[in-house]
Amino acid sequence: MTRLFLATAVILALAGQASAECYADYKAKQDDPLRLHYGVAQVSDAACAGGPGAAEGELAARLAAGGWTLLNVLSVFGPEGLGERKASAGEYFLRF
């Protein structure tokens, strides 16, 4: 019984490590007056696997709740791409 418990614990620990961080960079707008922004947001692993098109559905709803309209998702990437995009995204870095 102890071996079964340990095996289950190891499997669960490895499964948690397999879940990768995924992010998307995007462009959005507001009307009246026109405002545009570039941002970076964390997206689900499923959206990452599906590419920019899959991330659009996830981000559009989040942005709409904040009064923004998603224009397009530029790319999806892992944590290694965060540093180079942080300055460009400014206040919209991981906001939505």
C-alpha atoms as a PDB file:
ATOM      1  CA  MET A   1       0.000   0.000   0.000  1.00  0.00           C
ATOM      2  CA  THR A   2       2.870   2.381   0.787  1.00  0.00           C
ATOM      3  CA  ARG A   3       4.426   1.735  -2.614  1.00  0.00           C
ATOM      4  CA  LEU A   4       1.152   2.537  -4.348  1.00  0.00           C
ATOM      5  CA  PHE A   5       0.895   5.803  -2.433  1.00  0.00           C
ATOM      6  CA  LEU A   6       4.484   6.756  -3.287  1.00  0.00           C
ATOM      7  CA  ALA A   7       4.029   5.884  -6.949  1.00  0.00           C
ATOM      8  CA  THR A   8       0.886   8.019  -7.107  1.00  0.00           C
ATOM      9  CA  ALA A   9       2.667  10.930  -5.425  1.00  0.00           C
ATOM     10  CA  VAL A  10       5.550  10.754  -7.912  1.00  0.00           C
ATOM     11  CA  ILE A  11       3.179  10.648 -10.893  1.00  0.00           C
ATOM     12  CA  LEU A  12       1.230  13.656  -9.625  1.00  0.00           C
ATOM     13  CA  ALA A  13       4.433  15.613  -9.017  1.00  0.00           C
ATOM     14  CA  LEU A  14       5.666  14.905 -12.541  1.00  0.00           C
ATOM     15  CA  ALA A  15       2.312  15.839 -14.055  1.00  0.00           C
ATOM     16  CA  GLY A  16       2.446  19.213 -12.309  1.00  0.00           C
ATOM     17  CA  GLN A  17       5.886  19.883 -13.758  1.00  0.00           C
ATOM     18  CA  ALA A  18       4.682  19.068 -17.264  1.00  0.00           C
ATOM     19  CA  SER A  19       2.259  22.000 -17.197  1.00  0.00           C
ATOM     20  CA  ALA A  20       4.192  24.779 -18.912  1.00  0.00           C
ATOM     21  CA  GLU A  21       3.673  28.504 -18.661  1.00  0.00           C
ATOM     22  CA  CYS A  22       2.296  29.987 -21.848  1.00  0.00           C
ATOM     23  CA  TYR A  23       1.842  33.597 -22.914  1.00  0.00           C
ATOM     24  CA  ALA A  24       0.501  35.541 -25.884  1.00  0.00           C
ATOM     25  CA  ASP A  25       1.278  39.031 -27.111  1.00  0.00           C
ATOM     26  CA  TYR A  26      -1.589  40.931 -28.696  1.00  0.00           C
ATOM     27  CA  LYS A  27      -2.911  44.283 -29.911  1.00  0.00           C
ATOM     28  CA  ALA A  28      -6.204  45.752 -28.678  1.00  0.00           C
ATOM     29  CA  LYS A  29      -8.229  48.950 -29.061  1.00  0.00           C
ATOM     30  CA  GLN A  30     -10.928  51.083 -27.463  1.00  0.00           C
ATOM     31  CA  ASP A  31     -13.171  53.455 -29.411  1.00  0.00           C
ATOM     32  CA  ASP A  32     -14.334  56.997 -28.653  1.00  0.00           C
ATOM     33  CA  PRO A  33     -11.675  58.185 -28.207  1.00  0.00           C
ATOM     34  CA  LEU A  34      -9.516  55.739 -30.103  1.00  0.00           C
ATOM     35  CA  ARG A  35      -6.897  54.111 -27.867  1.00  0.00           C
ATOM     36  CA  LEU A  36      -4.560  51.289 -28.848  1.00  0.00           C
ATOM     37  CA  HIS A  37      -2.339  49.068 -26.760  1.00  0.00           C
ATOM     38  CA  TYR A  38       0.120  46.214 -27.093  1.00  0.00           C
ATOM     39  CA  GLY A  39       0.039  43.697 -24.260  1.00  0.00           C
ATOM     40  CA  VAL A  40       1.219  40.347 -22.987  1.00  0.00           C
ATOM     41  CA  ALA A  41      -1.125  37.933 -21.193  1.00  0.00           C
ATOM     42  CA  GLN A  42      -0.849  34.453 -19.775  1.00  0.00           C
ATOM     43  CA  VAL A  43      -2.990  31.909 -21.624  1.00  0.00           C
ATOM     44  CA  SER A  44      -3.871  28.278 -21.008  1.00  0.00           C
ATOM     45  CA  ASP A  45      -1.700  25.415 -22.213  1.00  0.00           C
ATOM     46  CA  ALA A  46      -4.493  24.490 -24.643  1.00  0.00           C
ATOM     47  CA  ALA A  47      -4.407  27.961 -26.195  1.00  0.00           C
ATOM     48  CA  CYS A  48      -0.645  27.730 -26.477  1.00  0.00           C
ATOM     49  CA  ALA A  49      -0.809  24.380 -28.222  1.00  0.00           C
ATOM     50  CA  GLY A  50      -3.447  25.698 -30.631  1.00  0.00           C
ATOM     51  CA  GLY A  51      -1.406  28.745 -31.628  1.00  0.00           C
ATOM     52  CA  PRO A  52      -2.493  32.364 -31.960  1.00  0.00           C
ATOM     53  CA  GLY A  53      -5.954  31.448 -33.221  1.00  0.00           C
ATOM     54  CA  ALA A  54      -6.727  29.440 -30.092  1.00  0.00           C
ATOM     55  CA  ALA A  55      -5.432  32.221 -27.850  1.00  0.00           C
ATOM     56  CA  GLU A  56      -7.722  34.768 -29.546  1.00  0.00           C
ATOM     57  CA  GLY A  57     -10.881  33.235 -28.108  1.00  0.00           C
ATOM     58  CA  GLU A  58      -9.448  33.211 -24.622  1.00  0.00           C
ATOM     59  CA  LEU A  59      -8.101  36.753 -24.742  1.00  0.00           C
ATOM     60  CA  ALA A  60     -11.060  38.380 -26.517  1.00  0.00           C
ATOM     61  CA  ALA A  61     -13.390  37.673 -23.593  1.00  0.00           C
ATOM     62  CA  ARG A  62     -10.904  38.935 -20.992  1.00  0.00           C
ATOM     63  CA  LEU A  63     -10.215  42.122 -22.898  1.00  0.00           C
ATOM     64  CA  ALA A  64     -13.913  42.752 -23.568  1.00  0.00           C
ATOM     65  CA  ALA A  65     -14.593  42.604 -19.836  1.00  0.00           C
ATOM     66  CA  GLY A  66     -12.096  45.462 -19.473  1.00  0.00           C
ATOM     67  CA  GLY A  67     -13.672  47.506 -22.280  1.00  0.00           C
ATOM     68  CA  TRP A  68     -11.129  46.573 -24.966  1.00  0.00           C
ATOM     69  CA  THR A  69     -11.537  44.915 -28.372  1.00  0.00           C
ATOM     70  CA  LEU A  70      -8.913  42.380 -29.399  1.00  0.00           C
ATOM     71  CA  LEU A  71      -7.403  43.246 -32.772  1.00  0.00           C
ATOM     72  CA  ASN A  72      -5.066  40.276 -33.138  1.00  0.00           C
ATOM     73  CA  VAL A  73      -2.790  37.862 -31.334  1.00  0.00           C
ATOM     74  CA  LEU A  74       0.738  38.221 -32.643  1.00  0.00           C
ATOM     75  CA  SER A  75       2.279  35.068 -31.164  1.00  0.00           C
ATOM     76  CA  VAL A  76       2.220  32.544 -28.346  1.00  0.00           C
ATOM     77  CA  PHE A  77       5.402  31.719 -26.467  1.00  0.00           C
ATOM     78  CA  GLY A  78       6.869  30.325 -23.263  1.00  0.00           C
ATOM     79  CA  PRO A  79       8.438  32.116 -20.302  1.00  0.00           C
ATOM     80  CA  GLU A  80      11.670  32.598 -22.226  1.00  0.00           C
ATOM     81  CA  GLY A  81       9.999  35.353 -24.300  1.00  0.00           C
ATOM     82  CA  LEU A  82       8.720  37.456 -21.407  1.00  0.00           C
ATOM     83  CA  GLY A  83      11.826  39.533 -20.784  1.00  0.00           C
ATOM     84  CA  GLU A  84      12.091  40.894 -24.298  1.00  0.00           C
ATOM     85  CA  ARG A  85       8.414  41.964 -24.372  1.00  0.00           C
ATOM     86  CA  LYS A  86       8.050  43.498 -20.906  1.00  0.00           C
ATOM     87  CA  ALA A  87       9.188  47.029 -21.788  1.00  0.00           C
ATOM     88  CA  SER A  88       7.039  47.165 -24.938  1.00  0.00           C
ATOM     89  CA  ALA A  89       3.903  46.040 -23.103  1.00  0.00           C
ATOM     90  CA  GLY A  90       4.350  48.552 -20.271  1.00  0.00           C
ATOM     91  CA  GLU A  91       1.249  48.725 -18.071  1.00  0.00           C
ATOM     92  CA  TYR A  92      -0.390  45.963 -20.142  1.00  0.00           C
ATOM     93  CA  PHE A  93       2.266  43.380 -19.253  1.00  0.00           C
ATOM     94  CA  LEU A  94       0.316  40.463 -17.725  1.00  0.00           C
ATOM     95  CA  ARG A  95      -2.651  42.766 -16.975  1.00  0.00           C
ATOM     96  CA  PHE A  96      -5.337  40.692 -18.718  1.00  0.00           C
END
